[in-house]
Amino acid sequence: MDNERIDRDIALRSARLYIPLSLGAGVLFYLAATLTGDHTLVARMGGAVWVALLSLIVSMPIVTSRVKRTLRR
């Protein structure tokens, strides 16, 4: 029972970190595409969603393992 609480706490803390991180990467991509080129709105939005999704996939296991290591100490 205690392990379930710890796992839930790890998942919540991790999500509070990797979700804003990946959304921020998507926003930065959108801003960079808007400021540096003449890309269409669909291309900018699609690229921002793609970057956010890929950064979510990459950052999720990294952040979760770091949070787990920190909380298990």
Protein backbone atom coordinates (compact mmCIF):
# COMPACT_ATOMS: atom_id res chain seq x y z
CA MET A 1 0.00 0.00 0.00
CA ASP A 2 2.82 2.39 0.82
CA ASN A 3 4.56 1.60 -2.46
CA GLU A 4 1.44 2.64 -4.37
CA ARG A 5 1.49 6.02 -2.66
CA ILE A 6 5.17 6.48 -3.42
CA ASP A 7 4.68 5.48 -7.07
CA ARG A 8 1.75 7.88 -7.41
CA ASP A 9 3.83 10.68 -5.86
CA ILE A 10 6.70 9.95 -8.26
CA ALA A 11 4.33 10.01 -11.24
CA LEU A 12 2.71 13.29 -10.20
CA ARG A 13 5.99 15.06 -9.49
CA SER A 14 7.46 13.82 -12.75
CA ALA A 15 4.45 14.98 -14.75
CA ARG A 16 4.71 18.43 -13.16
CA LEU A 17 8.19 18.66 -14.63
CA TYR A 18 8.12 16.97 -18.04
CA ILE A 19 4.80 18.34 -19.27
CA PRO A 20 5.77 22.04 -18.95
CA LEU A 21 9.21 21.20 -20.30
CA SER A 22 7.81 19.63 -23.47
CA LEU A 23 5.14 22.31 -23.94
CA GLY A 24 7.84 24.95 -23.54
CA ALA A 25 9.90 23.28 -26.25
CA GLY A 26 6.88 23.36 -28.55
CA VAL A 27 6.27 27.04 -27.84
CA LEU A 28 9.92 27.86 -28.46
CA PHE A 29 9.76 26.04 -31.79
CA TYR A 30 6.63 27.95 -32.76
CA LEU A 31 8.25 31.27 -31.85
CA ALA A 32 11.44 30.42 -33.72
CA ALA A 33 9.49 29.37 -36.81
CA THR A 34 7.42 32.54 -36.65
CA LEU A 35 10.34 34.91 -36.21
CA THR A 36 12.83 33.37 -38.63
CA GLY A 37 10.86 32.31 -41.65
CA ASP A 38 7.83 32.66 -43.83
CA HIS A 39 6.26 29.34 -42.87
CA THR A 40 2.54 28.78 -43.02
CA LEU A 41 0.45 28.59 -39.88
CA VAL A 42 -0.16 24.88 -40.44
CA ALA A 43 3.57 24.21 -40.72
CA ARG A 44 4.33 26.19 -37.55
CA MET A 45 1.54 24.55 -35.54
CA GLY A 46 2.34 21.07 -36.84
CA GLY A 47 6.02 21.51 -36.08
CA ALA A 48 5.28 22.82 -32.59
CA VAL A 49 3.01 19.86 -31.83
CA TRP A 50 5.59 17.45 -33.24
CA VAL A 51 8.42 18.97 -31.17
CA ALA A 52 6.27 18.96 -28.03
CA LEU A 53 5.30 15.33 -28.57
CA LEU A 54 8.84 14.17 -29.24
CA SER A 55 10.24 16.08 -26.28
CA LEU A 56 7.52 14.55 -24.09
CA ILE A 57 8.53 11.08 -25.24
CA VAL A 58 12.21 11.77 -24.61
CA SER A 59 11.90 13.66 -21.33
CA MET A 60 9.36 11.38 -19.63
CA PRO A 61 11.74 8.51 -18.74
CA ILE A 62 14.63 10.84 -17.97
CA VAL A 63 12.66 13.04 -15.59
CA THR A 64 10.87 10.09 -13.98
CA SER A 65 14.11 8.29 -13.21
CA ARG A 66 15.62 11.43 -11.71
CA VAL A 67 12.56 12.07 -9.54
CA LYS A 68 12.48 8.42 -8.49
CA ARG A 69 16.13 8.51 -7.53
CA THR A 70 15.60 11.71 -5.53
CA LEU A 71 12.53 10.48 -3.67
CA ARG A 72 13.91 7.04 -2.84
CA ARG A 73 16.80 8.56 -0.88
